[in-house]
Amino acid sequence: MRRLRGTYHLDPYDLGENTESLRALFDLSADGMAVCAGPTLVRANQRLVEICGRTRVDALVGQPLDSLLLDIGEGLPDLGRPRPLECELRRADQERRIVSLQPYPLPGAPDRTIWRFRDLTHLRTLEAELFRVNRALRDAEARLAETRDQSRREADDREELLTVVSHELRTPVTVITGYNRLLLLEKAGELNVEQRRFLDEINKSCHRINAFIGNLLETSRSTIADGPVHPRRQPLGPTLEAVVSAMEPLFQERGLHAKLQIDPEATFAEFDADRIEQVLTNLLANAIRYAQPGGGVEVSTRRAMDSESEWVEVAVADDGPGVEDTDRQRIFDAYVRAGSDRRAGGLGLGLAICRRLVRAHGGEISCRERDGGGSVFAFTLRRASADEENGAPYGA
């Protein structure tokens, strides 16, 4: 710089070392470029004029650099430790422009600094739009996931209802068929022609219902959800007797005898009678299927304890071929048929339903070998003493 009449005149073209090369780079840069002497802007390229919304360079020259900027927070960076600064430009037309401001000290010209203005407006606008689209996409994905989960739950509920209702229909139809066959065999007295015709029609209808139920079960091969369970403190005897009595025609047809033994220490439990009837019916149907002709099936209770609770174990024992060790756990999975059961007509749903219902009561179900041969299927229920039996809902 040179002194004229007591003032300093700043030469805007004095860029220190390599002046010519810097001047060419300065004028041709795609970014806005400014030269400052201290805080005062002394030179600007045409790109900076455009970014600042001006029409002429002299509109910028002589202005303090920070007068062109908005929201610069802690101020311009220390030239001793230059750092980029992102801020808004102060434009005459009020258009919002975001720039990245980077200082470059000039070697050989300690009083001069080059500032690069990189226009980030479109980039930040694009980033904001991408953020908005991303957020909208995440919201849409969340809504889609929620809708998908709801649809899956509804489908599971429909299939669970179809499975449980179909399976529960099969048992009374089987009992009706058993009694019908006993009548046809004239176990209850001689039949006339008309009575036999009526019973034959009943038998055909039962077979049609069984086939229809089988088709329903085939179409609902999904995980069986826990059914609604409402345990109450009550005696086990009436429930066990009712199920054994209902299965009597099936016992008679196979020439089996049923034995019921209730432990005096295991007479009361907390259970939903309808659901436990379903469990017992399934277990007895299996026992009748595999018991030796002329043999027997035993239903019993006993008191059991662990470190935390007292239980009643209900067991159904038969003298059939038994279950292989490797199959004793997996037979409680849906659609699993073990051993000779693979050749039977069942779908492998009965024991899976039993396990779900027993677990809904807080108990467990298992299979073990019977002394002398055969199988014992046993499940546990929470024990209640006789003086607790009052018909109150469990947990009330």
Protein backbone atom coordinates (compact mmCIF):
# COMPACT_ATOMS: atom_id res chain seq x y z
CA MET A 1 0.00 0.00 0.00
CA ARG A 2 1.09 3.62 -0.39
CA ARG A 3 0.31 6.79 1.59
CA LEU A 4 -1.52 9.65 -0.20
CA ARG A 5 -2.27 12.95 1.60
CA GLY A 6 -2.31 11.40 5.06
CA THR A 7 -4.51 8.37 4.14
CA TYR A 8 -3.73 4.82 3.13
CA HIS A 9 -4.73 3.74 -0.34
CA LEU A 10 -5.18 -0.03 -0.61
CA ASP A 11 -3.98 -1.54 -3.87
CA PRO A 12 -6.51 -4.31 -4.58
CA TYR A 13 -4.21 -6.00 -7.02
CA ASP A 14 -1.39 -6.49 -4.54
CA LEU A 15 -1.84 -10.19 -3.70
CA GLY A 16 1.62 -10.79 -2.37
CA GLU A 17 3.70 -13.64 -3.77
CA ASN A 18 2.60 -15.16 -7.10
CA THR A 19 0.31 -12.22 -7.75
CA GLU A 20 -0.39 -13.05 -11.38
CA SER A 21 -1.29 -16.69 -10.74
CA LEU A 22 -3.49 -15.79 -7.79
CA ARG A 23 -5.19 -13.05 -9.78
CA ALA A 24 -6.09 -15.53 -12.58
CA LEU A 25 -7.36 -18.08 -10.06
CA PHE A 26 -9.26 -15.32 -8.27
CA ASP A 27 -11.09 -14.11 -11.38
CA LEU A 28 -11.84 -17.56 -12.88
CA SER A 29 -13.02 -19.30 -9.70
CA ALA A 30 -16.52 -20.82 -9.67
CA ASP A 31 -16.77 -19.72 -6.03
CA GLY A 32 -17.10 -16.19 -4.77
CA MET A 33 -13.66 -14.73 -3.90
CA ALA A 34 -12.80 -11.64 -1.89
CA VAL A 35 -9.57 -9.96 -0.78
CA CYS A 36 -9.66 -8.22 2.57
CA ALA A 37 -7.19 -5.89 4.14
CA GLY A 38 -7.94 -6.45 7.79
CA PRO A 39 -11.72 -6.45 8.08
CA THR A 40 -12.29 -4.39 4.88
CA LEU A 41 -13.14 -5.94 1.55
CA VAL A 42 -10.86 -4.47 -1.15
CA ARG A 43 -11.51 -6.74 -4.08
CA ALA A 44 -14.24 -9.20 -5.23
CA ASN A 45 -14.69 -11.37 -8.27
CA GLN A 46 -17.83 -11.37 -10.38
CA ARG A 47 -19.13 -14.61 -8.83
CA LEU A 48 -19.17 -13.02 -5.36
CA VAL A 49 -21.09 -10.06 -6.77
CA GLU A 50 -23.72 -12.51 -8.07
CA ILE A 51 -23.89 -14.46 -4.82
CA CYS A 52 -24.35 -11.24 -2.83
CA GLY A 53 -27.16 -10.10 -5.12
CA ARG A 54 -25.28 -7.01 -6.30
CA THR A 55 -24.73 -5.75 -9.86
CA ARG A 56 -21.34 -4.09 -9.51
CA VAL A 57 -18.10 -4.86 -7.75
CA ASP A 58 -17.80 -1.38 -6.27
CA ALA A 59 -20.97 -2.06 -4.26
CA LEU A 60 -18.89 -4.47 -2.19
CA VAL A 61 -15.46 -2.85 -2.13
CA GLY A 62 -14.81 -0.85 1.01
CA GLN A 63 -17.45 -2.71 3.04
CA PRO A 64 -16.52 -4.53 6.29
CA LEU A 65 -16.63 -8.23 5.55
CA ASP A 66 -18.95 -9.04 8.45
CA SER A 67 -21.50 -6.49 7.16
CA LEU A 68 -22.26 -8.93 4.34
CA LEU A 69 -23.02 -11.80 6.71
CA LEU A 70 -25.88 -12.91 8.98
CA ASP A 71 -25.84 -15.30 11.94
CA ILE A 72 -22.07 -15.56 12.25
CA GLY A 73 -22.31 -16.56 15.89
CA GLU A 74 -18.89 -16.09 17.50
CA GLY A 75 -17.74 -13.88 14.65
CA LEU A 76 -15.23 -14.32 11.90
CA PRO A 77 -12.64 -17.08 12.46
CA ASP A 78 -9.25 -16.25 13.91
CA LEU A 79 -6.84 -15.97 11.00
CA GLY A 80 -4.19 -17.62 13.12
CA ARG A 81 -6.40 -20.70 13.21
CA PRO A 82 -8.46 -20.49 10.01
CA ARG A 83 -11.65 -22.54 9.98
CA PRO A 84 -14.65 -22.69 7.66
CA LEU A 85 -17.74 -20.77 8.69
CA GLU A 86 -21.26 -21.51 7.45
CA CYS A 87 -23.69 -18.62 7.58
CA GLU A 88 -26.26 -16.62 5.63
CA LEU A 89 -25.52 -13.69 3.36
CA ARG A 90 -27.13 -10.31 3.86
CA ARG A 91 -28.65 -9.63 0.44
CA ALA A 92 -30.48 -6.54 -0.74
CA ASP A 93 -33.28 -8.65 -2.26
CA GLN A 94 -33.78 -10.63 1.01
CA GLU A 95 -33.27 -13.93 -0.83
CA ARG A 96 -31.89 -16.54 1.51
CA ARG A 97 -28.38 -17.65 0.59
CA ILE A 98 -26.25 -20.00 2.65
CA VAL A 99 -22.50 -19.89 2.12
CA SER A 100 -19.42 -21.58 3.45
CA LEU A 101 -16.77 -18.99 4.22
CA GLN A 102 -13.11 -20.07 4.29
CA PRO A 103 -10.10 -17.73 4.95
CA TYR A 104 -6.71 -18.21 3.28
CA PRO A 105 -3.88 -15.98 4.60
CA LEU A 106 -1.59 -14.79 1.81
CA PRO A 107 2.12 -15.58 2.08
CA GLY A 108 4.16 -12.43 1.65
CA ALA A 109 1.15 -10.18 2.32
CA PRO A 110 0.39 -10.41 6.02
CA ASP A 111 -2.20 -7.64 5.83
CA ARG A 112 -4.20 -9.43 3.17
CA THR A 113 -6.58 -12.43 3.39
CA ILE A 114 -8.40 -14.20 0.62
CA TRP A 115 -11.91 -15.37 1.54
CA ARG A 116 -13.69 -18.02 -0.48
CA PHE A 117 -17.50 -17.94 -0.56
CA ARG A 118 -18.99 -21.29 -1.58
CA ASP A 119 -22.74 -21.15 -2.27
CA LEU A 120 -24.40 -24.00 -0.33
CA THR A 121 -27.99 -22.85 -0.80
CA HIS A 122 -29.05 -25.52 -3.27
CA LEU A 123 -27.15 -28.21 -1.36
CA ARG A 124 -28.79 -27.31 1.96
CA THR A 125 -32.20 -27.06 0.28
CA LEU A 126 -31.66 -30.48 -1.22
CA GLU A 127 -30.53 -31.86 2.14
CA ALA A 128 -33.62 -30.40 3.82
CA GLU A 129 -35.84 -31.91 1.14
CA LEU A 130 -34.08 -35.26 1.46
CA PHE A 131 -34.54 -35.08 5.24
CA ARG A 132 -38.24 -34.31 4.78
CA VAL A 133 -38.66 -37.13 2.26
CA ASN A 134 -36.71 -39.48 4.54
CA ARG A 135 -38.91 -38.60 7.48
CA ALA A 136 -42.05 -39.04 5.38
CA LEU A 137 -40.70 -42.38 4.15
CA ARG A 138 -39.97 -43.53 7.72
CA ASP A 139 -43.47 -42.48 8.77
CA ALA A 140 -44.94 -44.35 5.81
CA GLU A 141 -42.85 -47.43 6.63
CA ALA A 142 -43.99 -47.27 10.26
CA ARG A 143 -47.64 -47.02 9.17
CA LEU A 144 -47.12 -49.87 6.71
CA ALA A 145 -45.48 -52.02 9.40
CA GLU A 146 -48.35 -51.23 11.77
CA THR A 147 -50.91 -52.10 9.09
CA ARG A 148 -49.02 -55.28 8.24
CA ASP A 149 -48.86 -56.27 11.93
CA GLN A 150 -52.54 -55.56 12.36
CA SER A 151 -53.38 -57.61 9.26
CA ARG A 152 -51.18 -60.44 10.52
CA ARG A 153 -52.85 -60.33 13.94
CA GLU A 154 -56.29 -60.36 12.35
CA ALA A 155 -55.31 -63.26 10.09
CA ASP A 156 -53.83 -65.12 13.06
CA ASP A 157 -57.00 -64.48 15.07
CA ARG A 158 -59.17 -65.79 12.22
CA GLU A 159 -57.03 -68.87 11.74
CA GLU A 160 -56.77 -69.49 15.48
CA LEU A 161 -60.56 -69.30 15.77
CA LEU A 162 -60.96 -71.59 12.78
CA THR A 163 -58.46 -74.08 14.16
CA VAL A 164 -59.78 -74.19 17.72
CA VAL A 165 -63.46 -74.26 16.74
CA SER A 166 -62.83 -76.97 14.14
CA HIS A 167 -60.84 -79.05 16.59
CA GLU A 168 -63.43 -78.65 19.33
CA LEU A 169 -66.21 -79.68 16.92
CA ARG A 170 -64.35 -82.87 16.05
CA THR A 171 -64.52 -84.28 19.60
CA PRO A 172 -68.33 -84.14 20.10
CA VAL A 173 -68.82 -85.46 16.55
CA THR A 174 -66.49 -88.34 17.42
CA VAL A 175 -68.50 -89.06 20.58
CA ILE A 176 -71.78 -88.96 18.61
CA THR A 177 -70.27 -91.33 16.06
CA GLY A 178 -69.16 -93.68 18.84
CA TYR A 179 -72.59 -93.85 20.45
CA ASN A 180 -74.14 -94.26 17.02
CA ARG A 181 -71.93 -97.25 16.27
CA LEU A 182 -72.85 -98.80 19.63
CA LEU A 183 -76.51 -98.46 18.72
CA LEU A 184 -75.89 -99.98 15.29
CA LEU A 185 -74.15 -102.89 17.01
CA GLU A 186 -77.39 -103.27 19.04
CA LYS A 187 -75.54 -102.82 22.34
CA ALA A 188 -78.62 -101.02 23.68
CA GLY A 189 -81.19 -103.41 22.21
CA GLU A 190 -82.47 -104.79 18.91
CA LEU A 191 -83.16 -102.30 16.09
CA ASN A 192 -85.95 -102.34 13.55
CA VAL A 193 -85.32 -101.51 9.91
CA GLU A 194 -86.44 -97.89 10.22
CA GLN A 195 -84.24 -97.26 13.28
CA ARG A 196 -81.20 -98.75 11.53
CA ARG A 197 -81.86 -96.55 8.50
CA PHE A 198 -81.99 -93.45 10.70
CA LEU A 199 -78.75 -94.40 12.44
CA ASP A 200 -77.05 -95.06 9.10
CA GLU A 201 -78.00 -91.55 8.01
CA ILE A 202 -76.61 -90.13 11.27
CA ASN A 203 -73.39 -92.06 10.67
CA LYS A 204 -73.05 -90.69 7.12
CA SER A 205 -73.67 -87.14 8.33
CA CYS A 206 -71.03 -87.50 11.04
CA HIS A 207 -68.52 -88.68 8.45
CA ARG A 208 -69.33 -85.68 6.25
CA ILE A 209 -68.87 -83.29 9.19
CA ASN A 210 -65.56 -84.95 10.07
CA ALA A 211 -64.35 -84.55 6.48
CA PHE A 212 -65.44 -80.91 6.48
CA ILE A 213 -63.64 -80.26 9.77
CA GLY A 214 -60.51 -81.91 8.35
CA ASN A 215 -60.63 -79.57 5.35
CA LEU A 216 -61.02 -76.55 7.63
CA LEU A 217 -58.02 -77.62 9.68
CA GLU A 218 -55.95 -78.16 6.54
CA THR A 219 -56.64 -74.59 5.43
CA SER A 220 -55.56 -73.04 8.74
CA ARG A 221 -52.00 -74.29 9.14
CA SER A 222 -50.77 -71.40 11.26
CA THR A 223 -49.36 -71.11 14.77
CA ILE A 224 -52.12 -71.75 17.27
CA ALA A 225 -52.56 -68.74 19.52
CA ASP A 226 -53.39 -69.00 23.19
CA GLY A 227 -57.11 -69.30 23.64
CA PRO A 228 -59.00 -67.20 26.19
CA VAL A 229 -58.59 -68.82 29.61
CA HIS A 230 -60.52 -67.89 32.78
CA PRO A 231 -59.22 -70.02 35.69
CA ARG A 232 -61.33 -70.44 38.85
CA ARG A 233 -60.66 -72.27 42.09
CA GLN A 234 -62.77 -75.43 41.87
CA PRO A 235 -62.71 -79.22 42.34
CA LEU A 236 -61.21 -81.33 39.57
CA GLY A 237 -63.40 -84.40 40.10
CA PRO A 238 -66.55 -83.25 38.25
CA THR A 239 -64.54 -82.16 35.20
CA LEU A 240 -62.57 -85.41 35.01
CA GLU A 241 -65.70 -87.52 35.48
CA ALA A 242 -67.60 -85.56 32.81
CA VAL A 243 -64.89 -86.10 30.20
CA VAL A 244 -64.44 -89.81 30.99
CA SER A 245 -68.22 -90.29 30.82
CA ALA A 246 -68.47 -88.49 27.47
CA MET A 247 -65.78 -90.78 26.02
CA GLU A 248 -67.51 -93.95 27.27
CA PRO A 249 -68.76 -95.09 23.82
CA LEU A 250 -65.21 -94.91 22.47
CA PHE A 251 -63.97 -97.02 25.40
CA GLN A 252 -66.70 -99.57 24.76
CA GLU A 253 -66.02 -99.72 21.04
CA ARG A 254 -62.37 -100.62 21.67
CA GLY A 255 -63.22 -102.92 24.57
CA LEU A 256 -61.25 -100.71 26.97
CA HIS A 257 -61.91 -99.98 30.61
CA ALA A 258 -61.40 -96.52 32.12
CA LYS A 259 -60.06 -95.97 35.61
CA LEU A 260 -60.25 -92.65 37.50
CA GLN A 261 -58.10 -92.08 40.60
CA ILE A 262 -58.16 -88.73 42.43
CA ASP A 263 -55.57 -88.11 45.14
CA PRO A 264 -57.27 -86.63 48.27
CA GLU A 265 -54.36 -84.14 48.40
CA ALA A 266 -54.97 -83.11 44.78
CA THR A 267 -58.69 -82.49 44.44
CA PHE A 268 -58.85 -78.69 44.01
CA ALA A 269 -57.04 -76.55 41.46
CA GLU A 270 -57.23 -73.21 39.66
CA PHE A 271 -58.46 -73.86 36.11
CA ASP A 272 -60.91 -73.06 33.35
CA ALA A 273 -63.18 -76.11 33.24
CA ASP A 274 -64.06 -75.77 29.55
CA ARG A 275 -60.41 -75.52 28.52
CA ILE A 276 -59.25 -78.38 30.73
CA GLU A 277 -62.09 -80.52 29.34
CA GLN A 278 -60.63 -79.81 25.90
CA VAL A 279 -57.15 -80.85 27.08
CA LEU A 280 -58.43 -84.05 28.71
CA THR A 281 -60.57 -84.94 25.70
CA ASN A 282 -57.56 -84.69 23.40
CA LEU A 283 -55.37 -86.75 25.73
CA LEU A 284 -58.05 -89.41 26.22
CA ALA A 285 -58.72 -89.61 22.48
CA ASN A 286 -55.01 -90.30 21.93
CA ALA A 287 -54.92 -92.85 24.75
CA ILE A 288 -57.97 -94.70 23.32
CA ARG A 289 -56.39 -94.72 19.87
CA TYR A 290 -53.15 -96.36 21.03
CA ALA A 291 -54.26 -98.49 24.00
CA GLN A 292 -54.18 -102.27 23.52
CA PRO A 293 -57.63 -103.71 22.68
CA GLY A 294 -59.13 -104.96 25.91
CA GLY A 295 -56.65 -102.91 27.90
CA GLY A 296 -57.22 -99.86 30.03
CA VAL A 297 -56.71 -96.11 30.30
CA GLU A 298 -56.12 -94.48 33.66
CA VAL A 299 -56.82 -90.86 34.61
CA SER A 300 -55.27 -89.77 37.90
CA THR A 301 -54.25 -86.76 39.96
CA ARG A 302 -51.43 -86.27 42.43
CA ARG A 303 -49.98 -83.42 44.46
CA ALA A 304 -46.68 -81.99 43.20
CA MET A 305 -44.43 -79.24 44.52
CA ASP A 306 -41.48 -77.17 43.38
CA SER A 307 -39.41 -74.49 45.12
CA GLU A 308 -42.09 -71.83 44.61
CA SER A 309 -45.54 -73.38 44.12
CA GLU A 310 -47.83 -76.32 44.78
CA TRP A 311 -49.35 -78.07 41.80
CA VAL A 312 -51.86 -80.73 40.90
CA GLU A 313 -50.60 -83.10 38.23
CA VAL A 314 -53.30 -84.65 36.04
CA ALA A 315 -52.08 -87.74 34.18
CA VAL A 316 -53.56 -89.90 31.41
CA ALA A 317 -51.84 -93.28 31.09
CA ASP A 318 -52.30 -95.97 28.44
CA ASP A 319 -50.73 -99.36 27.72
CA GLY A 320 -50.03 -98.66 24.05
CA PRO A 321 -46.72 -98.81 22.14
CA GLY A 322 -45.36 -95.69 23.84
CA VAL A 323 -43.49 -92.73 22.37
CA GLU A 324 -39.84 -92.75 21.34
CA ASP A 325 -37.50 -90.69 23.55
CA THR A 326 -36.57 -88.44 20.61
CA ASP A 327 -40.24 -87.64 19.95
CA ARG A 328 -41.42 -86.80 23.47
CA GLN A 329 -40.77 -83.07 23.18
CA ARG A 330 -41.49 -82.45 19.52
CA ILE A 331 -44.93 -84.12 19.54
CA PHE A 332 -46.25 -81.00 21.29
CA ASP A 333 -45.35 -78.87 18.25
CA ALA A 334 -48.11 -78.13 15.75
CA TYR A 335 -48.38 -80.51 12.77
CA VAL A 336 -45.84 -82.97 14.20
CA ARG A 337 -46.91 -86.61 14.17
CA ALA A 338 -44.55 -89.08 15.76
CA GLY A 339 -44.05 -92.80 15.31
CA SER A 340 -47.15 -94.70 14.18
CA ASP A 341 -49.14 -91.46 14.37
CA ARG A 342 -47.55 -90.43 11.07
CA ARG A 343 -49.73 -93.03 9.37
CA ALA A 344 -52.86 -91.92 11.22
CA GLY A 345 -55.29 -89.42 9.84
CA GLY A 346 -54.62 -86.61 12.35
CA LEU A 347 -52.97 -83.30 11.59
CA GLY A 348 -50.87 -83.20 14.74
CA LEU A 349 -52.80 -80.28 16.27
CA GLY A 350 -54.32 -81.85 19.38
CA LEU A 351 -51.20 -81.95 21.57
CA ALA A 352 -50.11 -78.49 20.36
CA ILE A 353 -53.45 -77.08 21.49
CA CYS A 354 -53.11 -78.93 24.80
CA ARG A 355 -49.70 -77.39 25.48
CA ARG A 356 -50.89 -73.88 24.66
CA LEU A 357 -53.92 -74.19 26.92
CA VAL A 358 -51.95 -75.70 29.80
CA ARG A 359 -49.29 -72.99 29.54
CA ALA A 360 -52.06 -70.38 29.52
CA HIS A 361 -52.94 -71.77 32.97
CA GLY A 362 -49.31 -71.35 34.07
CA GLY A 363 -48.61 -75.09 33.97
CA GLU A 364 -46.62 -77.47 31.78
CA ILE A 365 -47.40 -80.67 29.90
CA SER A 366 -45.08 -83.59 29.26
CA CYS A 367 -44.90 -87.16 28.07
CA ARG A 368 -43.08 -89.98 29.86
CA GLU A 369 -42.84 -93.74 29.70
CA ARG A 370 -45.38 -95.75 31.71
CA ASP A 371 -44.14 -98.48 34.03
CA GLY A 372 -44.83 -101.76 32.27
CA GLY A 373 -45.08 -100.13 28.83
CA GLY A 374 -47.16 -97.41 27.28
CA SER A 375 -47.24 -93.65 27.77
CA VAL A 376 -48.21 -91.15 30.43
CA PHE A 377 -49.26 -87.66 29.31
CA ALA A 378 -49.34 -85.35 32.33
CA PHE A 379 -50.01 -81.66 32.86
CA THR A 380 -49.91 -79.42 35.92
CA LEU A 381 -52.38 -76.90 37.35
CA ARG A 382 -51.94 -74.59 40.32
CA ARG A 383 -53.18 -76.33 43.44
CA ALA A 384 -55.94 -74.81 45.61
CA SER A 385 -57.03 -76.10 49.00
CA ALA A 386 -60.63 -77.12 49.65
CA ASP A 387 -61.34 -74.16 51.94
CA GLU A 388 -60.32 -71.79 49.12
CA GLU A 389 -62.97 -73.15 46.78
CA ASN A 390 -65.60 -70.48 46.56
CA GLY A 391 -66.23 -70.10 42.87
CA ALA A 392 -64.34 -66.79 42.75
CA PRO A 393 -62.43 -66.03 39.58
CA TYR A 394 -58.73 -66.73 39.80
CA GLY A 395 -56.83 -63.61 40.73
CA ALA A 396 -59.92 -61.81 42.02
